[in-house]
C-alpha atoms as a PDB file:
ATOM      1  CA  MET A   1     -37.868 -22.037  -1.478  1.00  0.00           C
ATOM      2  CA  SER A   2     -37.429 -18.253  -1.410  1.00  0.00           C
ATOM      3  CA  ASP A   3     -36.661 -18.389   2.335  1.00  0.00           C
ATOM      4  CA  ARG A   4     -33.849 -20.837   1.712  1.00  0.00           C
ATOM      5  CA  SER A   5     -32.365 -18.776  -1.105  1.00  0.00           C
ATOM      6  CA  SER A   6     -32.495 -15.566   0.932  1.00  0.00           C
ATOM      7  CA  ALA A   7     -30.836 -17.313   3.876  1.00  0.00           C
ATOM      8  CA  ALA A   8     -28.077 -18.563   1.617  1.00  0.00           C
ATOM      9  CA  ALA A   9     -27.413 -15.122   0.081  1.00  0.00           C
ATOM     10  CA  PRO A  10     -25.227 -13.615   2.841  1.00  0.00           C
ATOM     11  CA  PRO A  11     -22.585 -16.413   2.757  1.00  0.00           C
ATOM     12  CA  ARG A  12     -22.271 -16.001  -1.014  1.00  0.00           C
ATOM     13  CA  VAL A  13     -21.751 -12.266  -0.630  1.00  0.00           C
ATOM     14  CA  ALA A  14     -19.178 -12.837   2.124  1.00  0.00           C
ATOM     15  CA  THR A  15     -17.374 -15.416   0.000  1.00  0.00           C
ATOM     16  CA  SER A  16     -17.187 -13.066  -2.977  1.00  0.00           C
ATOM     17  CA  GLY A  17     -15.785 -10.363  -0.703  1.00  0.00           C
ATOM     18  CA  LEU A  18     -13.101 -12.715   0.622  1.00  0.00           C
ATOM     19  CA  VAL A  19     -12.168 -13.731  -2.926  1.00  0.00           C
ATOM     20  CA  LEU A  20     -11.851 -10.072  -3.936  1.00  0.00           C
ATOM     21  CA  LEU A  21      -9.793  -9.379  -0.815  1.00  0.00           C
ATOM     22  CA  ALA A  22      -7.500 -12.304  -1.648  1.00  0.00           C
ATOM     23  CA  VAL A  23      -6.960 -10.968  -5.184  1.00  0.00           C
ATOM     24  CA  THR A  24      -6.119  -7.551  -3.723  1.00  0.00           C
ATOM     25  CA  SER A  25      -3.645  -8.930  -1.185  1.00  0.00           C
ATOM     26  CA  VAL A  26      -1.862 -11.157  -3.706  1.00  0.00           C
ATOM     27  CA  SER A  27      -1.699  -8.340  -6.265  1.00  0.00           C
ATOM     28  CA  TRP A  28      -0.250  -5.836  -3.797  1.00  0.00           C
ATOM     29  CA  GLY A  29       2.040  -8.411  -2.209  1.00  0.00           C
ATOM     30  CA  LEU A  30       3.634  -9.376  -5.537  1.00  0.00           C
ATOM     31  CA  SER A  31       4.094  -5.709  -6.456  1.00  0.00           C
ATOM     32  CA  TRP A  32       6.929  -5.341  -3.894  1.00  0.00           C
ATOM     33  CA  PRO A  33       9.489  -7.668  -5.547  1.00  0.00           C
ATOM     34  CA  ILE A  34       8.314  -6.530  -8.995  1.00  0.00           C
ATOM     35  CA  THR A  35       8.883  -2.870  -8.088  1.00  0.00           C
ATOM     36  CA  LYS A  36      12.298  -3.759  -6.668  1.00  0.00           C
ATOM     37  CA  TYR A  37      13.196  -5.442  -9.968  1.00  0.00           C
ATOM     38  CA  VAL A  38      11.901  -2.557 -12.106  1.00  0.00           C
ATOM     39  CA  ILE A  39      13.887   0.079 -10.195  1.00  0.00           C
ATOM     40  CA  SER A  40      17.038  -1.944 -10.752  1.00  0.00           C
ATOM     41  CA  GLN A  41      16.656  -0.893 -14.412  1.00  0.00           C
ATOM     42  CA  TRP A  42      14.823   2.424 -14.125  1.00  0.00           C
ATOM     43  CA  PRO A  43      15.256   5.262 -11.585  1.00  0.00           C
ATOM     44  CA  PRO A  44      12.752   4.804  -8.736  1.00  0.00           C
ATOM     45  CA  LEU A  45      10.769   8.053  -8.930  1.00  0.00           C
ATOM     46  CA  PRO A  46      10.018   7.954 -12.688  1.00  0.00           C
ATOM     47  CA  ALA A  47       9.308   4.229 -12.434  1.00  0.00           C
ATOM     48  CA  ARG A  48       6.808   4.761  -9.630  1.00  0.00           C
ATOM     49  CA  GLY A  49       5.294   7.995 -10.958  1.00  0.00           C
ATOM     50  CA  LEU A  50       4.884   6.997 -14.598  1.00  0.00           C
ATOM     51  CA  THR A  51       3.225   3.694 -13.745  1.00  0.00           C
ATOM     52  CA  GLY A  52       0.941   5.609 -11.389  1.00  0.00           C
ATOM     53  CA  LEU A  53      -0.091   8.071 -14.111  1.00  0.00           C
ATOM     54  CA  ALA A  54      -0.726   5.246 -16.562  1.00  0.00           C
ATOM     55  CA  GLY A  55      -2.757   3.405 -13.926  1.00  0.00           C
ATOM     56  CA  ALA A  56      -4.783   6.549 -13.215  1.00  0.00           C
ATOM     57  CA  LEU A  57      -5.602   7.022 -16.894  1.00  0.00           C
ATOM     58  CA  THR A  58      -6.725   3.400 -17.078  1.00  0.00           C
ATOM     59  CA  LEU A  59      -8.942   3.867 -14.019  1.00  0.00           C
ATOM     60  CA  PHE A  60     -10.450   7.002 -15.591  1.00  0.00           C
ATOM     61  CA  ALA A  61     -11.298   4.947 -18.671  1.00  0.00           C
ATOM     62  CA  ILE A  62     -12.873   2.218 -16.535  1.00  0.00           C
ATOM     63  CA  ALA A  63     -14.916   4.774 -14.570  1.00  0.00           C
ATOM     64  CA  TRP A  64     -16.122   6.369 -17.812  1.00  0.00           C
ATOM     65  CA  LEU A  65     -17.089   2.979 -19.284  1.00  0.00           C
ATOM     66  CA  ARG A  66     -19.010   2.166 -16.105  1.00  0.00           C
ATOM     67  CA  GLY A  67     -20.882   5.436 -16.363  1.00  0.00           C
ATOM     68  CA  ASP A  68     -19.385   6.920 -13.182  1.00  0.00           C
ATOM     69  CA  SER A  69     -19.113  10.683 -13.065  1.00  0.00           C
ATOM     70  CA  LEU A  70     -15.550  11.995 -13.373  1.00  0.00           C
ATOM     71  CA  ALA A  71     -16.458  15.458 -12.115  1.00  0.00           C
ATOM     72  CA  VAL A  72     -15.134  16.615  -8.744  1.00  0.00           C
ATOM     73  CA  PRO A  73     -17.409  19.013  -6.805  1.00  0.00           C
ATOM     74  CA  ARG A  74     -15.677  22.165  -5.598  1.00  0.00           C
ATOM     75  CA  SER A  75     -16.202  21.114  -1.969  1.00  0.00           C
ATOM     76  CA  GLN A  76     -14.201  17.927  -2.536  1.00  0.00           C
ATOM     77  CA  ARG A  77     -11.208  19.311  -4.442  1.00  0.00           C
ATOM     78  CA  LEU A  78      -8.995  20.349  -1.527  1.00  0.00           C
ATOM     79  CA  ARG A  79      -9.740  17.078   0.257  1.00  0.00           C
ATOM     80  CA  LEU A  80      -8.762  15.191  -2.870  1.00  0.00           C
ATOM     81  CA  VAL A  81      -5.424  17.022  -3.186  1.00  0.00           C
ATOM     82  CA  ILE A  82      -4.514  16.583   0.496  1.00  0.00           C
ATOM     83  CA  SER A  83      -5.410  12.897   0.446  1.00  0.00           C
ATOM     84  CA  ALA A  84      -3.476  12.385  -2.800  1.00  0.00           C
ATOM     85  CA  PHE A  85      -0.389  14.000  -1.253  1.00  0.00           C
ATOM     86  CA  PHE A  86      -0.282  11.771   1.823  1.00  0.00           C
ATOM     87  CA  ASN A  87      -1.702   8.550   0.369  1.00  0.00           C
ATOM     88  CA  VAL A  88       0.002   8.639  -3.019  1.00  0.00           C
ATOM     89  CA  THR A  89       2.783  11.228  -3.442  1.00  0.00           C
ATOM     90  CA  VAL A  90       4.556  10.609  -0.143  1.00  0.00           C
ATOM     91  CA  TRP A  91       3.911   6.867  -0.228  1.00  0.00           C
ATOM     92  CA  MET A  92       5.107   6.328  -3.790  1.00  0.00           C
ATOM     93  CA  ALA A  93       8.172   8.545  -3.515  1.00  0.00           C
ATOM     94  CA  VAL A  94       9.611   7.412  -0.201  1.00  0.00           C
ATOM     95  CA  MET A  95       8.799   3.724  -0.670  1.00  0.00           C
ATOM     96  CA  GLY A  96      10.454   3.754  -4.087  1.00  0.00           C
ATOM     97  CA  LEU A  97      13.558   5.361  -2.609  1.00  0.00           C
ATOM     98  CA  ALA A  98      13.512   3.022   0.410  1.00  0.00           C
ATOM     99  CA  LEU A  99      13.914   0.076  -1.970  1.00  0.00           C
ATOM    100  CA  LEU A 100      17.360   1.419  -2.878  1.00  0.00           C
ATOM    101  CA  TRP A 101      18.556   0.580   0.660  1.00  0.00           C
ATOM    102  CA  LEU A 102      16.233  -2.239   1.721  1.00  0.00           C
ATOM    103  CA  PRO A 103      15.165  -5.594   0.297  1.00  0.00           C
ATOM    104  CA  ALA A 104      11.610  -5.577  -1.030  1.00  0.00           C
ATOM    105  CA  GLY A 105      10.341  -7.937   1.660  1.00  0.00           C
ATOM    106  CA  GLU A 106      11.709  -5.835   4.519  1.00  0.00           C
ATOM    107  CA  THR A 107      10.301  -2.659   2.980  1.00  0.00           C
ATOM    108  CA  ALA A 108       6.877  -4.306   2.796  1.00  0.00           C
ATOM    109  CA  VAL A 109       7.038  -5.281   6.475  1.00  0.00           C
ATOM    110  CA  ILE A 110       7.817  -1.698   7.572  1.00  0.00           C
ATOM    111  CA  ALA A 111       5.253  -0.267   5.160  1.00  0.00           C
ATOM    112  CA  TYR A 112       2.468  -2.329   6.682  1.00  0.00           C
ATOM    113  CA  THR A 113       2.988  -0.900  10.131  1.00  0.00           C
ATOM    114  CA  MET A 114       0.684   1.870   8.851  1.00  0.00           C
ATOM    115  CA  PRO A 115      -2.453   0.597  10.689  1.00  0.00           C
ATOM    116  CA  VAL A 116      -0.492   0.897  13.952  1.00  0.00           C
ATOM    117  CA  TRP A 117       0.457   4.521  13.195  1.00  0.00           C
ATOM    118  CA  THR A 118      -3.140   5.214  12.164  1.00  0.00           C
ATOM    119  CA  ALA A 119      -4.367   3.969  15.541  1.00  0.00           C
ATOM    120  CA  LEU A 120      -1.735   6.090  17.304  1.00  0.00           C
ATOM    121  CA  LEU A 121      -2.441   9.285  15.325  1.00  0.00           C
ATOM    122  CA  ALA A 122      -6.196   8.897  15.779  1.00  0.00           C
ATOM    123  CA  TRP A 123      -5.644   9.645  19.474  1.00  0.00           C
ATOM    124  CA  PRO A 124      -4.535  13.304  19.197  1.00  0.00           C
ATOM    125  CA  LEU A 125      -6.134  14.064  15.820  1.00  0.00           C
ATOM    126  CA  LEU A 126      -9.531  12.365  16.096  1.00  0.00           C
ATOM    127  CA  GLY A 127      -9.909  12.174  19.844  1.00  0.00           C
ATOM    128  CA  GLU A 128     -10.002   8.361  19.855  1.00  0.00           C
ATOM    129  CA  ARG A 129      -8.762   7.186  23.231  1.00  0.00           C
ATOM    130  CA  MET A 130      -5.420   5.439  23.556  1.00  0.00           C
ATOM    131  CA  THR A 131      -6.033   1.886  24.726  1.00  0.00           C
ATOM    132  CA  LEU A 132      -3.671  -0.703  26.123  1.00  0.00           C
ATOM    133  CA  LEU A 133      -4.059  -2.698  22.911  1.00  0.00           C
ATOM    134  CA  ARG A 134      -2.862   0.274  20.879  1.00  0.00           C
ATOM    135  CA  VAL A 135       0.175   0.718  23.131  1.00  0.00           C
ATOM    136  CA  LEU A 136       1.007  -2.972  22.719  1.00  0.00           C
ATOM    137  CA  ALA A 137       0.494  -2.669  18.952  1.00  0.00           C
ATOM    138  CA  LEU A 138       2.968   0.212  18.800  1.00  0.00           C
ATOM    139  CA  ALA A 139       5.503  -1.719  20.893  1.00  0.00           C
ATOM    140  CA  MET A 140       5.213  -4.737  18.591  1.00  0.00           C
ATOM    141  CA  ALA A 141       5.651  -2.578  15.492  1.00  0.00           C
ATOM    142  CA  PHE A 142       8.843  -1.105  16.956  1.00  0.00           C
ATOM    143  CA  GLY A 143       9.928  -4.612  17.908  1.00  0.00           C
ATOM    144  CA  GLY A 144       9.519  -5.710  14.316  1.00  0.00           C
ATOM    145  CA  ILE A 145      11.678  -2.848  13.063  1.00  0.00           C
ATOM    146  CA  VAL A 146      14.345  -3.604  15.680  1.00  0.00           C
ATOM    147  CA  ALA A 147      14.317  -7.249  14.580  1.00  0.00           C
ATOM    148  CA  LEU A 148      14.931  -6.183  10.984  1.00  0.00           C
ATOM    149  CA  LEU A 149      17.785  -3.869  11.962  1.00  0.00           C
ATOM    150  CA  GLY A 150      19.438  -6.542  14.063  1.00  0.00           C
ATOM    151  CA  ALA A 151      19.143  -9.292  11.491  1.00  0.00           C
ATOM    152  CA  HIS A 152      22.565  -8.758   9.874  1.00  0.00           C
ATOM    153  CA  GLY A 153      24.695  -7.045  12.492  1.00  0.00           C
ATOM    154  CA  PHE A 154      25.489  -3.425  13.346  1.00  0.00           C
ATOM    155  CA  ALA A 155      27.255  -2.469  10.105  1.00  0.00           C
ATOM    156  CA  ALA A 156      24.412  -3.773   7.969  1.00  0.00           C
ATOM    157  CA  SER A 157      21.888  -2.002  10.205  1.00  0.00           C
ATOM    158  CA  VAL A 158      23.615   1.358   9.736  1.00  0.00           C
ATOM    159  CA  ALA A 159      23.637   0.810   5.969  1.00  0.00           C
ATOM    160  CA  LYS A 160      19.911   0.064   6.032  1.00  0.00           C
ATOM    161  CA  LEU A 161      18.972   3.012   8.233  1.00  0.00           C
ATOM    162  CA  PRO A 162      18.122   5.478   5.384  1.00  0.00           C
ATOM    163  CA  GLY A 163      15.765   2.911   3.890  1.00  0.00           C
ATOM    164  CA  VAL A 164      14.151   2.195   7.246  1.00  0.00           C
ATOM    165  CA  LEU A 165      13.582   5.905   7.915  1.00  0.00           C
ATOM    166  CA  LEU A 166      12.137   6.427   4.430  1.00  0.00           C
ATOM    167  CA  ALA A 167       9.805   3.435   4.728  1.00  0.00           C
ATOM    168  CA  LEU A 168       8.709   4.596   8.173  1.00  0.00           C
ATOM    169  CA  SER A 169       7.971   8.096   6.878  1.00  0.00           C
ATOM    170  CA  GLY A 170       5.870   6.551   4.110  1.00  0.00           C
ATOM    171  CA  ALA A 171       3.895   4.448   6.590  1.00  0.00           C
ATOM    172  CA  VAL A 172       3.302   7.457   8.867  1.00  0.00           C
ATOM    173  CA  GLY A 173       2.354   9.628   5.870  1.00  0.00           C
ATOM    174  CA  PHE A 174      -0.180   7.046   4.721  1.00  0.00           C
ATOM    175  CA  ALA A 175      -1.532   6.860   8.272  1.00  0.00           C
ATOM    176  CA  LEU A 176      -1.973  10.648   8.265  1.00  0.00           C
ATOM    177  CA  GLY A 177      -3.838  10.350   4.983  1.00  0.00           C
ATOM    178  CA  THR A 178      -6.089   7.672   6.466  1.00  0.00           C
ATOM    179  CA  VAL A 179      -6.857   9.804   9.523  1.00  0.00           C
ATOM    180  CA  PHE A 180      -7.573  12.771   7.246  1.00  0.00           C
ATOM    181  CA  LEU A 181     -10.045  10.706   5.215  1.00  0.00           C
ATOM    182  CA  LYS A 182     -11.777   9.555   8.396  1.00  0.00           C
ATOM    183  CA  ARG A 183     -12.249  13.189   9.366  1.00  0.00           C
ATOM    184  CA  PHE A 184     -12.972  14.510   5.860  1.00  0.00           C
ATOM    185  CA  PRO A 185     -14.274  11.668   3.636  1.00  0.00           C
ATOM    186  CA  ILE A 186     -14.302  12.176  -0.125  1.00  0.00           C
ATOM    187  CA  ALA A 187     -17.798  11.965  -1.617  1.00  0.00           C
ATOM    188  CA  LEU A 188     -16.920  10.402  -4.980  1.00  0.00           C
ATOM    189  CA  PRO A 189     -17.451   6.983  -6.568  1.00  0.00           C
ATOM    190  CA  GLY A 190     -14.629   4.623  -5.579  1.00  0.00           C
ATOM    191  CA  THR A 191     -13.068   4.262  -9.024  1.00  0.00           C
ATOM    192  CA  THR A 192     -13.268   7.992  -9.737  1.00  0.00           C
ATOM    193  CA  SER A 193     -11.737   8.830  -6.352  1.00  0.00           C
ATOM    194  CA  ALA A 194      -8.882   6.358  -6.863  1.00  0.00           C
ATOM    195  CA  ALA A 195      -8.212   7.642 -10.394  1.00  0.00           C
ATOM    196  CA  TRP A 196      -8.015  11.274  -9.302  1.00  0.00           C
ATOM    197  CA  GLN A 197      -5.921  10.553  -6.214  1.00  0.00           C
ATOM    198  CA  ILE A 198      -3.438   8.323  -8.044  1.00  0.00           C
ATOM    199  CA  GLY A 199      -3.208  10.777 -10.950  1.00  0.00           C
ATOM    200  CA  ILE A 200      -2.789  13.897  -8.795  1.00  0.00           C
ATOM    201  CA  GLY A 201      -0.428  12.134  -6.417  1.00  0.00           C
ATOM    202  CA  SER A 202       1.735  10.621  -9.157  1.00  0.00           C
ATOM    203  CA  PHE A 203       2.258  13.860 -11.086  1.00  0.00           C
ATOM    204  CA  PRO A 204       4.772  15.531  -8.694  1.00  0.00           C
ATOM    205  CA  VAL A 205       6.622  12.215  -8.354  1.00  0.00           C
ATOM    206  CA  VAL A 206       7.090  12.154 -12.124  1.00  0.00           C
ATOM    207  CA  VAL A 207       8.133  15.817 -12.324  1.00  0.00           C
ATOM    208  CA  ILE A 208      10.688  15.552  -9.518  1.00  0.00           C
ATOM    209  CA  GLY A 209      11.971  12.231 -10.796  1.00  0.00           C
ATOM    210  CA  LEU A 210      12.474  13.433 -14.366  1.00  0.00           C
ATOM    211  CA  ALA A 211      14.260  16.545 -13.081  1.00  0.00           C
ATOM    212  CA  PHE A 212      17.010  14.297 -11.730  1.00  0.00           C
ATOM    213  CA  GLU A 213      17.099  11.470 -14.249  1.00  0.00           C
ATOM    214  CA  VAL A 214      15.247  10.603 -17.451  1.00  0.00           C
ATOM    215  CA  PRO A 215      14.702   6.839 -17.794  1.00  0.00           C
ATOM    216  CA  GLN A 216      15.918   5.170 -20.970  1.00  0.00           C
ATOM    217  CA  LEU A 217      13.473   2.852 -22.709  1.00  0.00           C
ATOM    218  CA  ASP A 218      16.243   0.550 -23.904  1.00  0.00           C
ATOM    219  CA  ALA A 219      17.398   0.078 -20.301  1.00  0.00           C
ATOM    220  CA  LEU A 220      14.357  -2.104 -19.630  1.00  0.00           C
ATOM    221  CA  SER A 221      14.655  -5.814 -20.294  1.00  0.00           C
ATOM    222  CA  PRO A 222      11.601  -7.771 -21.528  1.00  0.00           C
ATOM    223  CA  LEU A 223      11.035  -8.818 -17.922  1.00  0.00           C
ATOM    224  CA  GLY A 224      11.276  -5.157 -16.880  1.00  0.00           C
ATOM    225  CA  TRP A 225       8.580  -4.215 -19.394  1.00  0.00           C
ATOM    226  CA  ALA A 226       6.428  -7.051 -18.070  1.00  0.00           C
ATOM    227  CA  GLY A 227       6.953  -5.632 -14.589  1.00  0.00           C
ATOM    228  CA  LEU A 228       5.787  -2.174 -15.716  1.00  0.00           C
ATOM    229  CA  VAL A 229       2.660  -3.680 -17.253  1.00  0.00           C
ATOM    230  CA  TYR A 230       1.968  -5.578 -14.037  1.00  0.00           C
ATOM    231  CA  LEU A 231       2.311  -2.441 -11.911  1.00  0.00           C
ATOM    232  CA  ILE A 232      -0.014  -0.458 -14.181  1.00  0.00           C
ATOM    233  CA  VAL A 233      -2.705  -3.059 -14.821  1.00  0.00           C
ATOM    234  CA  ILE A 234      -2.636  -5.248 -11.715  1.00  0.00           C
ATOM    235  CA  GLN A 235      -1.295  -3.052  -8.892  1.00  0.00           C
ATOM    236  CA  PHE A 236      -3.149   0.151  -9.772  1.00  0.00           C
ATOM    237  CA  CYS A 237      -6.258  -1.120 -11.574  1.00  0.00           C
ATOM    238  CA  VAL A 238      -7.234  -4.699 -10.724  1.00  0.00           C
ATOM    239  CA  ALA A 239      -6.141  -4.469  -7.082  1.00  0.00           C
ATOM    240  CA  TYR A 240      -7.841  -1.127  -6.413  1.00  0.00           C
ATOM    241  CA  LEU A 241     -11.090  -2.182  -8.091  1.00  0.00           C
ATOM    242  CA  CYS A 242     -11.103  -5.443  -6.119  1.00  0.00           C
ATOM    243  CA  TRP A 243     -10.287  -3.567  -2.911  1.00  0.00           C
ATOM    244  CA  PHE A 244     -13.216  -1.152  -3.252  1.00  0.00           C
ATOM    245  CA  ALA A 245     -15.542  -4.036  -4.127  1.00  0.00           C
ATOM    246  CA  ALA A 246     -14.281  -6.083  -1.149  1.00  0.00           C
ATOM    247  CA  VAL A 247     -14.796  -3.177   1.261  1.00  0.00           C
ATOM    248  CA  GLN A 248     -18.418  -2.937   0.098  1.00  0.00           C
ATOM    249  CA  ARG A 249     -18.996  -6.630   0.867  1.00  0.00           C
ATOM    250  CA  LEU A 250     -17.008  -7.099   4.078  1.00  0.00           C
ATOM    251  CA  PRO A 251     -16.865  -5.456   7.497  1.00  0.00           C
ATOM    252  CA  ALA A 252     -14.076  -2.866   7.683  1.00  0.00           C
ATOM    253  CA  SER A 253     -12.237  -4.846  10.369  1.00  0.00           C
ATOM    254  CA  VAL A 254     -12.197  -7.986   8.225  1.00  0.00           C
ATOM    255  CA  ALA A 255     -10.914  -6.042   5.215  1.00  0.00           C
ATOM    256  CA  ALA A 256      -8.189  -4.374   7.298  1.00  0.00           C
ATOM    257  CA  ILE A 257      -7.004  -7.637   8.834  1.00  0.00           C
ATOM    258  CA  GLY A 258      -7.133  -9.265   5.392  1.00  0.00           C
ATOM    259  CA  THR A 259      -4.501  -6.863   4.083  1.00  0.00           C
ATOM    260  CA  MET A 260      -2.075  -8.365   6.614  1.00  0.00           C
ATOM    261  CA  ALA A 261      -1.449 -11.020   3.978  1.00  0.00           C
ATOM    262  CA  VAL A 262       0.274  -8.382   1.798  1.00  0.00           C
ATOM    263  CA  PRO A 263       3.618  -8.214   3.660  1.00  0.00           C
ATOM    264  CA  VAL A 264       3.627 -12.006   4.064  1.00  0.00           C
ATOM    265  CA  ILE A 265       3.247 -12.444   0.316  1.00  0.00           C
ATOM    266  CA  GLY A 266       5.803  -9.680  -0.286  1.00  0.00           C
ATOM    267  CA  VAL A 267       8.410 -11.313   1.970  1.00  0.00           C
ATOM    268  CA  VAL A 268       7.923 -14.820   0.581  1.00  0.00           C
ATOM    269  CA  ALA A 269       7.734 -13.701  -3.063  1.00  0.00           C
ATOM    270  CA  SER A 270      10.872 -11.567  -2.659  1.00  0.00           C
ATOM    271  CA  ALA A 271      12.748 -14.483  -1.130  1.00  0.00           C
ATOM    272  CA  ILE A 272      11.735 -16.739  -4.028  1.00  0.00           C
ATOM    273  CA  ALA A 273      11.993 -14.322  -6.948  1.00  0.00           C
ATOM    274  CA  LEU A 274      14.872 -12.088  -5.825  1.00  0.00           C
ATOM    275  CA  HIS A 275      16.661 -14.518  -3.476  1.00  0.00           C
ATOM    276  CA  GLU A 276      16.348 -12.066  -0.606  1.00  0.00           C
ATOM    277  CA  PRO A 277      17.267 -13.323   2.877  1.00  0.00           C
ATOM    278  CA  LEU A 278      14.500 -14.984   4.876  1.00  0.00           C
ATOM    279  CA  GLY A 279      16.046 -15.776   8.234  1.00  0.00           C
ATOM    280  CA  LEU A 280      15.000 -15.570  11.845  1.00  0.00           C
ATOM    281  CA  GLY A 281      15.294 -11.755  11.882  1.00  0.00           C
ATOM    282  CA  GLN A 282      12.920 -11.315   8.943  1.00  0.00           C
ATOM    283  CA  ILE A 283      10.465 -13.915  10.283  1.00  0.00           C
ATOM    284  CA  ALA A 284      10.506 -12.341  13.780  1.00  0.00           C
ATOM    285  CA  ALA A 285       9.924  -8.893  12.279  1.00  0.00           C
ATOM    286  CA  LEU A 286       7.019 -10.207  10.210  1.00  0.00           C
ATOM    287  CA  VAL A 287       5.384 -11.936  13.180  1.00  0.00           C
ATOM    288  CA  LEU A 288       5.772  -8.914  15.472  1.00  0.00           C
ATOM    289  CA  THR A 289       4.473  -6.498  12.838  1.00  0.00           C
ATOM    290  CA  LEU A 290       1.450  -8.629  11.956  1.00  0.00           C
ATOM    291  CA  ALA A 291       0.640  -9.106  15.635  1.00  0.00           C
ATOM    292  CA  GLY A 292       0.843  -5.342  16.144  1.00  0.00           C
ATOM    293  CA  VAL A 293      -1.404  -4.677  13.154  1.00  0.00           C
ATOM    294  CA  ALA A 294      -3.919  -7.244  14.395  1.00  0.00           C
ATOM    295  CA  LEU A 295      -4.071  -5.529  17.791  1.00  0.00           C
ATOM    296  CA  ALA A 296      -4.356  -2.085  16.185  1.00  0.00           C
ATOM    297  CA  THR A 297      -7.287  -3.147  14.000  1.00  0.00           C
ATOM    298  CA  ARG A 298      -9.083  -4.704  16.987  1.00  0.00           C
ATOM    299  CA  SER A 299      -8.613  -1.751  19.306  1.00  0.00           C
END
């Protein structure tokens, strides 16, 4: 009887990991159209930064309730700040601004080219050899971006270019942060690490954002307030906690490929909720990008 139960244990663990991964992907995927809606009522930097700070405080509370240490050893502090800059500050700022020029779905597609850039940057920075699969992954990622730019003609492409460049810089910045963490991992509990990184990374976004424009509370509609709550509770707390738990239960390659559902959900949800275009250009870009990410994660 014990042999049977022990043999059945691994599938249950794998299933729980897949469920957690699905919750993460859906939560992050839906955050793209919700963020796009929120910044239509609030300026993008305060909207992104303030929700990040609130999410960080919530994660600190969760870590404390779980009994995790909130202390950061001196040896980990610089790593934490550098990682927070690339993975949070740059990502939150440029992606929020990119949404001013791009539909949420298209921004999500460009954003999730980050595994391709990670594979590319690992070549010079980590000494990982450049394989044919990685070259093909890079070509497919560029193909996806070209498909997005060509979806509505030359004039529309020129108008979108600032958003594309911003989203690309965010994806490359996040890739740099990922490579940095591979080289210098942070020795902290997952929830504590996420809380510190989101909090540290969000702070300059808030400061810079408020220097240009102070958001007005009465500018938010009831649906806008609901969007803020979603971003704080679901995007920053539930999704991150599920992500760390999923990574503990699943192979890294499975977890990485699983996040490919995020841009799919973002594109479809944006088309439904915000009536964004979903034509051949967007579908081609999505297919090319996901194919590139799949190759990058396998190489």
